[in-house]
Amino acid sequence: MELVRLVREKMMKERLMFAYRGVVTNDNSIPLLMLLEKEMESSEFAYLGRKRLFMFVLENLQNVTRHGENVAYADMSLVAYSKTDDGYTITTGNVISSRLVSELKRKLEHLNSLDIKEIKALHRQVLTDSEFSDKGGAGLGLIEMASKTGNKLDYDFLSIDNDYSYFILSKTVNSDGIGVHQSGMESTFSTSSVTQLENLLDINNINVMWSGHLSVDIVKEVLSFTESNLNDDDVEADLRRRVFSILIEILDNVARYNPGKESEEKFGLPLVMVQAQGNSYTLTTGNLILNSHVGDLKEKLEEINMSDRDGLKELLANSLMRQNIQIESTGNMGLIEMARKSRSKLRYQFEVVNDSYSYYILEINVLD
């Protein structure tokens, strides 16, 4: 469970809300966008700010997708959302040919030297120029990103080898939808936290992680995004169904013990993490739970882990027989189903937070 501690510390320190490392496609770009939109809907973010940020992210994801044909490094693409005191920061990273760096850097430097009126004039000029290519030869995508947020773009290029470089593009937008230049006019944008995040995801085979209140809408989008990735990956059908089904159960488990958004923000935000390596998946959640619920839940978990395959069937049958329309709880059915479908033991841990709450970590390895 040390990884969970490291992830939580980084996400809390940098106010990270969501991170994805993998191939960005037209299909999974949609739930990526919707995930951010649903988060913004539950915040104090103004409508105009939401619209501008949404359009910026749309352009940025399309930019990443354009370079997705580079099979050797496509899975290094990164999408991260984080919060600020008055808005959000959106960061992407993707591999590009090193021969493109000089020209792309020139375009970004030129854009960052312009004010908003000049950017809009350049936008009109480029729209009438027929010489830009599908790869954004005239920088139309970058111009539209700058135009929509009205400020400068933060960026950096990191060399991978003689042929490829890692392009990091980041934008902070306040609640009015106005861009905030992170590093000021004279300094260079620092990407150390971005590269550390990419490295953390890489070495631990983390595909997706989310930290924040799991509303019904957010849960739907997390599921939609994961389903899209499972469909894109070369995953055997039975394993794909089991992973998705277990994720539904494990997110429902978080929702069941939800103490409320205010308590979560004060004592410990929920965490969802999906790790993928070949045909092996690990699903992990963390959430606050009342100390009064810990004993009963631990007893259920231990009983499930002591049961073999036939024992789990018997536990499930007994749990079904105890169901009553007047009783809202489904007992331990969800946990039993997780164990049955994963074909593995349920790893768990309870960390005492204070006199009222503990932080409950549940990890499930889904075996092929």
Protein backbone atom coordinates (compact mmCIF):
# COMPACT_ATOMS: atom_id res chain seq x y z
CA MET A 1 0.00 0.00 0.00
CA GLU A 2 3.07 2.26 -0.11
CA LEU A 3 2.20 3.28 -3.68
CA VAL A 4 -1.17 4.60 -2.52
CA ARG A 5 0.59 6.77 0.04
CA LEU A 6 2.99 8.17 -2.59
CA VAL A 7 0.16 8.86 -5.04
CA ARG A 8 -1.99 10.54 -2.40
CA GLU A 9 0.89 12.72 -1.25
CA LYS A 10 1.66 13.90 -4.79
CA MET A 11 -1.98 14.53 -5.66
CA MET A 12 -2.63 16.45 -2.44
CA LYS A 13 0.60 18.47 -2.66
CA GLU A 14 0.03 19.48 -6.29
CA ARG A 15 -3.78 19.48 -6.07
CA LEU A 16 -3.91 16.93 -8.86
CA MET A 17 -7.39 15.79 -9.70
CA PHE A 18 -6.85 13.44 -12.64
CA ALA A 19 -3.96 11.89 -14.53
CA TYR A 20 -3.89 9.56 -17.52
CA ARG A 21 -0.87 8.03 -19.20
CA GLY A 22 -1.45 6.13 -22.42
CA VAL A 23 -2.53 6.51 -26.01
CA VAL A 24 -4.87 9.46 -26.62
CA THR A 25 -7.43 8.68 -29.31
CA ASN A 26 -10.51 10.34 -30.75
CA ASP A 27 -12.65 7.84 -28.82
CA ASN A 28 -11.16 8.30 -25.36
CA SER A 29 -10.84 12.07 -25.84
CA ILE A 30 -14.62 12.36 -25.42
CA PRO A 31 -14.80 10.92 -21.87
CA LEU A 32 -11.60 12.84 -21.03
CA LEU A 33 -13.43 16.04 -21.91
CA MET A 34 -16.65 15.02 -20.17
CA LEU A 35 -14.79 14.11 -16.99
CA LEU A 36 -13.46 17.65 -16.73
CA GLU A 37 -16.81 19.19 -17.67
CA LYS A 38 -18.66 17.27 -14.94
CA GLU A 39 -16.05 18.30 -12.38
CA MET A 40 -16.42 21.96 -13.38
CA GLU A 41 -20.21 21.76 -13.16
CA SER A 42 -19.97 20.91 -9.46
CA SER A 43 -17.55 23.81 -8.78
CA GLU A 44 -17.97 27.57 -8.64
CA PHE A 45 -16.44 27.85 -12.11
CA ALA A 46 -18.40 30.33 -14.24
CA TYR A 47 -20.12 29.18 -17.43
CA LEU A 48 -17.90 31.29 -19.68
CA GLY A 49 -14.82 29.92 -17.91
CA ARG A 50 -16.06 26.35 -18.39
CA LYS A 51 -16.71 26.94 -22.07
CA ARG A 52 -13.30 28.49 -22.72
CA LEU A 53 -11.43 25.82 -20.79
CA PHE A 54 -13.42 23.04 -22.48
CA MET A 55 -12.52 24.38 -25.92
CA PHE A 56 -8.86 24.73 -24.93
CA VAL A 57 -8.74 21.11 -23.78
CA LEU A 58 -10.51 19.98 -26.96
CA GLU A 59 -7.88 21.66 -29.13
CA ASN A 60 -5.07 20.32 -26.97
CA LEU A 61 -6.29 16.72 -27.07
CA GLN A 62 -6.68 16.96 -30.84
CA ASN A 63 -3.08 18.16 -30.98
CA VAL A 64 -1.93 15.13 -28.97
CA THR A 65 -4.03 12.78 -31.11
CA ARG A 66 -2.47 14.10 -34.32
CA HIS A 67 0.88 12.74 -33.17
CA GLY A 68 -0.56 9.44 -31.93
CA GLU A 69 0.56 7.47 -34.94
CA ASN A 70 4.05 7.18 -33.43
CA VAL A 71 3.48 3.65 -32.12
CA ALA A 72 6.83 3.38 -30.33
CA TYR A 73 6.03 6.23 -27.93
CA ALA A 74 2.26 6.72 -28.21
CA ASP A 75 1.64 5.27 -24.74
CA MET A 76 3.79 8.02 -23.18
CA SER A 77 1.09 10.64 -23.81
CA LEU A 78 -0.04 12.34 -20.61
CA VAL A 79 -3.20 14.24 -19.68
CA ALA A 80 -3.42 15.82 -16.22
CA TYR A 81 -6.01 18.08 -14.57
CA SER A 82 -5.30 19.95 -11.34
CA LYS A 83 -7.02 22.63 -9.31
CA THR A 84 -5.86 26.09 -8.34
CA ASP A 85 -7.37 28.57 -5.89
CA ASP A 86 -9.36 30.13 -8.71
CA GLY A 87 -9.51 27.65 -11.54
CA TYR A 88 -7.81 24.68 -13.17
CA THR A 89 -4.51 23.76 -14.78
CA ILE A 90 -4.57 21.47 -17.80
CA THR A 91 -1.33 19.77 -18.81
CA THR A 92 -0.57 17.41 -21.67
CA GLY A 93 2.59 15.66 -22.74
CA ASN A 94 3.29 13.77 -25.95
CA VAL A 95 6.18 12.58 -28.08
CA ILE A 96 7.00 14.44 -31.27
CA SER A 97 9.78 14.21 -33.84
CA SER A 98 12.82 16.23 -32.71
CA ARG A 99 12.97 17.85 -36.15
CA LEU A 100 9.67 19.63 -35.32
CA VAL A 101 10.92 21.18 -32.07
CA SER A 102 12.69 24.24 -33.46
CA GLU A 103 9.74 25.37 -35.58
CA LEU A 104 7.16 24.59 -32.89
CA LYS A 105 9.18 26.49 -30.31
CA ARG A 106 9.42 29.47 -32.69
CA LYS A 107 5.63 29.50 -33.10
CA LEU A 108 5.04 29.30 -29.34
CA GLU A 109 7.52 32.08 -28.62
CA HIS A 110 5.83 34.24 -31.26
CA LEU A 111 2.38 33.55 -29.82
CA ASN A 112 3.55 34.39 -26.30
CA SER A 113 4.89 37.73 -27.54
CA LEU A 114 1.44 38.84 -28.74
CA ASP A 115 -1.41 40.44 -26.85
CA ILE A 116 -4.96 39.14 -27.21
CA LYS A 117 -5.88 41.54 -30.04
CA GLU A 118 -2.80 40.52 -32.00
CA ILE A 119 -3.58 36.82 -31.41
CA LYS A 120 -7.10 37.27 -32.77
CA ALA A 121 -5.74 39.12 -35.82
CA LEU A 122 -3.25 36.30 -36.42
CA HIS A 123 -6.09 33.80 -36.08
CA ARG A 124 -8.06 35.53 -38.84
CA GLN A 125 -4.98 35.70 -41.03
CA VAL A 126 -4.19 32.00 -40.67
CA LEU A 127 -7.79 31.00 -41.43
CA THR A 128 -7.42 32.63 -44.84
CA ASP A 129 -4.06 30.95 -45.51
CA SER A 130 -4.40 27.64 -47.33
CA GLU A 131 -0.80 26.53 -46.83
CA PHE A 132 -1.06 24.95 -43.39
CA SER A 133 -1.11 21.14 -43.29
CA ASP A 134 -3.07 18.58 -41.31
CA LYS A 135 -0.24 18.63 -38.77
CA GLY A 136 -1.03 22.25 -38.02
CA GLY A 137 1.66 23.74 -40.23
CA ALA A 138 0.56 27.32 -39.55
CA GLY A 139 0.00 26.61 -35.84
CA LEU A 140 -3.77 27.04 -36.07
CA GLY A 141 -4.42 24.74 -33.11
CA LEU A 142 -1.95 26.62 -30.91
CA ILE A 143 -3.39 29.97 -32.02
CA GLU A 144 -6.91 28.84 -31.13
CA MET A 145 -5.72 27.63 -27.70
CA ALA A 146 -4.16 31.02 -26.99
CA SER A 147 -7.12 32.90 -28.45
CA LYS A 148 -9.71 31.08 -26.35
CA THR A 149 -7.94 31.74 -23.04
CA GLY A 150 -6.50 35.15 -23.87
CA ASN A 151 -3.05 34.59 -22.48
CA LYS A 152 0.27 32.85 -22.90
CA LEU A 153 0.92 29.10 -23.16
CA ASP A 154 3.38 27.36 -20.83
CA TYR A 155 5.52 24.73 -22.53
CA ASP A 156 8.77 22.81 -22.59
CA PHE A 157 10.60 20.27 -24.77
CA LEU A 158 12.57 17.37 -23.28
CA SER A 159 14.90 15.28 -25.44
CA ILE A 160 14.22 11.52 -25.44
CA ASP A 161 16.83 10.52 -28.01
CA ASN A 162 18.23 11.82 -31.29
CA ASP A 163 14.92 11.34 -33.06
CA TYR A 164 12.21 12.14 -30.52
CA SER A 165 11.37 14.78 -27.91
CA TYR A 166 8.68 15.10 -25.25
CA PHE A 167 6.46 18.15 -25.73
CA ILE A 168 4.76 19.45 -22.59
CA LEU A 169 1.99 22.06 -22.92
CA SER A 170 0.22 23.52 -19.89
CA LYS A 171 -2.42 26.16 -19.28
CA THR A 172 -3.88 27.60 -16.10
CA VAL A 173 -7.30 29.21 -16.46
CA ASN A 174 -9.12 31.16 -13.75
CA SER A 175 -12.85 31.02 -13.01
CA ASP A 176 -13.56 33.69 -15.64
CA GLY A 177 -11.86 31.59 -18.30
CA ILE A 178 -8.84 33.89 -18.53
CA GLY A 179 -5.43 32.34 -18.90
CA VAL A 180 -2.88 32.77 -16.14
CA HIS A 181 0.75 32.55 -17.22
CA GLN A 182 2.38 30.32 -14.61
CA SER A 183 5.93 31.53 -14.79
CA GLY A 184 5.59 35.23 -15.57
CA MET A 185 7.05 37.09 -18.52
CA GLU A 186 10.74 36.45 -18.05
CA SER A 187 11.14 33.01 -16.46
CA THR A 188 11.05 29.56 -18.05
CA PHE A 189 8.16 27.21 -17.37
CA SER A 190 9.28 24.46 -14.98
CA THR A 191 8.19 20.96 -15.92
CA SER A 192 9.79 18.96 -13.10
CA SER A 193 6.44 18.10 -11.50
CA VAL A 194 5.10 16.95 -14.89
CA THR A 195 8.08 14.69 -15.59
CA GLN A 196 7.90 13.30 -12.05
CA LEU A 197 4.23 12.51 -12.59
CA GLU A 198 4.89 10.79 -15.93
CA ASN A 199 7.69 8.77 -14.31
CA LEU A 200 5.46 7.78 -11.37
CA LEU A 201 2.76 6.56 -13.73
CA ASP A 202 5.28 4.78 -15.96
CA ILE A 203 7.25 2.78 -13.40
CA ASN A 204 4.10 1.71 -11.58
CA ASN A 205 2.09 0.91 -14.73
CA ILE A 206 -0.62 3.37 -13.68
CA ASN A 207 -3.03 4.02 -16.51
CA VAL A 208 -5.53 6.29 -14.75
CA MET A 209 -5.89 7.94 -11.36
CA TRP A 210 -8.51 10.27 -9.96
CA SER A 211 -8.61 12.12 -6.65
CA GLY A 212 -11.73 14.02 -5.67
CA HIS A 213 -15.36 13.70 -4.70
CA LEU A 214 -17.00 10.91 -6.68
CA SER A 215 -20.39 12.27 -7.64
CA VAL A 216 -22.74 10.11 -9.72
CA ASP A 217 -21.73 12.04 -12.86
CA ILE A 218 -18.01 11.70 -12.14
CA VAL A 219 -18.39 7.95 -11.56
CA LYS A 220 -20.16 7.62 -14.93
CA GLU A 221 -17.33 9.42 -16.72
CA VAL A 222 -14.59 7.43 -14.95
CA LEU A 223 -16.37 4.26 -16.04
CA SER A 224 -16.88 5.58 -19.57
CA PHE A 225 -13.21 6.50 -19.91
CA THR A 226 -12.03 3.14 -18.57
CA GLU A 227 -14.42 1.28 -20.86
CA SER A 228 -13.12 3.25 -23.83
CA ASN A 229 -9.53 2.31 -22.96
CA LEU A 230 -10.41 -1.34 -22.44
CA ASN A 231 -12.04 -1.40 -25.87
CA ASP A 232 -9.02 0.26 -27.46
CA ASP A 233 -6.55 -2.12 -25.83
CA ASP A 234 -5.99 -5.64 -27.07
CA VAL A 235 -7.74 -7.12 -24.05
CA GLU A 236 -9.45 -10.52 -24.11
CA ALA A 237 -13.25 -10.11 -23.95
CA ASP A 238 -13.83 -12.02 -20.69
CA LEU A 239 -11.07 -10.11 -18.88
CA ARG A 240 -12.41 -6.81 -20.24
CA ARG A 241 -15.90 -7.59 -18.92
CA ARG A 242 -14.60 -8.62 -15.51
CA VAL A 243 -12.39 -5.56 -15.10
CA PHE A 244 -15.24 -3.23 -15.99
CA SER A 245 -17.72 -5.08 -13.77
CA ILE A 246 -15.34 -5.01 -10.78
CA LEU A 247 -14.68 -1.30 -11.32
CA ILE A 248 -18.43 -0.67 -11.09
CA GLU A 249 -18.57 -2.59 -7.82
CA ILE A 250 -15.50 -0.94 -6.32
CA LEU A 251 -16.74 2.57 -7.15
CA ASP A 252 -20.11 1.68 -5.67
CA ASN A 253 -18.23 0.58 -2.57
CA VAL A 254 -16.67 4.06 -2.31
CA ALA A 255 -20.04 5.73 -2.79
CA ARG A 256 -21.66 3.55 -0.12
CA TYR A 257 -19.30 4.74 2.60
CA ASN A 258 -19.16 8.35 1.38
CA PRO A 259 -19.22 10.70 4.43
CA GLY A 260 -19.86 13.80 2.30
CA LYS A 261 -17.78 16.18 0.18
CA GLU A 262 -16.98 18.55 3.05
CA SER A 263 -15.51 15.80 5.24
CA GLU A 264 -13.61 14.33 2.29
CA GLU A 265 -11.96 17.64 1.43
CA LYS A 266 -11.01 18.15 5.06
CA PHE A 267 -9.79 14.67 6.03
CA GLY A 268 -9.08 12.65 2.87
CA LEU A 269 -10.28 12.73 -0.73
CA PRO A 270 -11.34 9.52 -2.47
CA LEU A 271 -8.77 7.95 -4.78
CA VAL A 272 -9.31 5.71 -7.82
CA MET A 273 -6.36 4.09 -9.57
CA VAL A 274 -6.17 1.66 -12.49
CA GLN A 275 -2.89 -0.13 -13.19
CA ALA A 276 -2.43 -2.12 -16.38
CA GLN A 277 0.44 -4.34 -17.43
CA GLY A 278 -0.23 -6.61 -20.36
CA ASN A 279 -3.33 -8.61 -19.48
CA SER A 280 -3.00 -7.90 -15.76
CA TYR A 281 -5.07 -5.20 -14.05
CA THR A 282 -5.03 -3.80 -10.52
CA LEU A 283 -7.92 -1.64 -9.34
CA THR A 284 -7.39 0.44 -6.21
CA THR A 285 -9.66 2.81 -4.31
CA GLY A 286 -9.24 4.81 -1.14
CA ASN A 287 -11.92 6.63 0.78
CA LEU A 288 -12.93 7.90 4.19
CA ILE A 289 -15.02 5.63 6.35
CA LEU A 290 -16.56 6.14 9.77
CA ASN A 291 -14.61 4.33 12.47
CA SER A 292 -17.88 2.79 13.62
CA HIS A 293 -18.08 0.90 10.28
CA VAL A 294 -14.52 -0.44 10.28
CA GLY A 295 -15.06 -3.49 12.50
CA ASP A 296 -18.02 -4.83 10.52
CA LEU A 297 -16.36 -4.20 7.17
CA LYS A 298 -13.11 -5.85 8.25
CA GLU A 299 -15.04 -8.90 9.41
CA LYS A 300 -16.73 -9.19 5.99
CA LEU A 301 -13.42 -8.83 4.16
CA GLU A 302 -11.72 -11.47 6.28
CA GLU A 303 -14.60 -13.91 5.79
CA ILE A 304 -14.44 -13.42 2.02
CA ASN A 305 -10.67 -13.87 1.91
CA MET A 306 -10.90 -17.13 3.85
CA SER A 307 -13.37 -18.59 1.35
CA ASP A 308 -12.48 -20.65 -1.69
CA ARG A 309 -14.47 -20.57 -4.94
CA ASP A 310 -17.27 -22.80 -3.59
CA GLY A 311 -17.27 -20.86 -0.34
CA LEU A 312 -17.78 -17.59 -2.21
CA LYS A 313 -20.76 -19.08 -4.04
CA GLU A 314 -22.27 -20.07 -0.69
CA LEU A 315 -21.62 -16.62 0.78
CA LEU A 316 -23.29 -15.03 -2.22
CA ALA A 317 -26.32 -17.30 -1.95
CA ASN A 318 -26.70 -16.53 1.76
CA SER A 319 -26.35 -12.81 1.11
CA LEU A 320 -29.04 -12.97 -1.58
CA MET A 321 -31.40 -14.77 0.77
CA ARG A 322 -30.99 -12.03 3.38
CA GLN A 323 -31.98 -9.25 0.97
CA ASN A 324 -35.09 -7.31 1.88
CA ILE A 325 -36.79 -4.51 -0.04
CA GLN A 326 -36.94 -2.47 3.18
CA ILE A 327 -33.16 -2.76 3.66
CA GLU A 328 -31.10 -0.33 1.57
CA SER A 329 -27.77 -2.09 2.12
CA THR A 330 -26.80 -5.05 -0.08
CA GLY A 331 -24.66 -6.52 2.69
CA ASN A 332 -21.39 -7.92 1.39
CA MET A 333 -22.65 -8.90 -2.09
CA GLY A 334 -20.48 -6.34 -3.87
CA LEU A 335 -17.33 -7.50 -2.08
CA ILE A 336 -18.13 -11.15 -2.78
CA GLU A 337 -18.63 -10.39 -6.47
CA MET A 338 -15.29 -8.56 -6.59
CA ALA A 339 -13.54 -11.60 -5.15
CA ARG A 340 -15.36 -14.02 -7.47
CA LYS A 341 -14.76 -12.04 -10.66
CA SER A 342 -11.17 -11.10 -9.87
CA ARG A 343 -10.23 -14.66 -8.81
CA SER A 344 -7.97 -13.19 -6.16
CA LYS A 345 -7.96 -12.10 -2.53
CA LEU A 346 -9.08 -8.61 -1.60
CA ARG A 347 -6.17 -6.60 -0.21
CA TYR A 348 -7.20 -3.87 2.22
CA GLN A 349 -5.96 -1.48 4.85
CA PHE A 350 -7.53 0.92 7.34
CA GLU A 351 -5.52 3.98 8.40
CA VAL A 352 -6.91 5.90 11.36
CA VAL A 353 -7.36 9.59 10.50
CA ASN A 354 -8.96 10.89 13.70
CA ASP A 355 -11.57 9.89 16.29
CA SER A 356 -14.30 9.86 13.64
CA TYR A 357 -12.73 8.57 10.42
CA SER A 358 -10.31 6.07 8.96
CA TYR A 359 -9.00 5.93 5.40
CA TYR A 360 -10.02 2.66 3.77
CA ILE A 361 -7.84 1.31 0.94
CA LEU A 362 -9.06 -1.59 -1.20
CA GLU A 363 -6.87 -3.20 -3.88
CA ILE A 364 -8.03 -5.88 -6.30
CA ASN A 365 -5.82 -7.79 -8.73
CA VAL A 366 -7.85 -9.04 -11.68
CA LEU A 367 -6.31 -12.30 -12.83
CA ASP A 368 -6.51 -13.50 -16.44
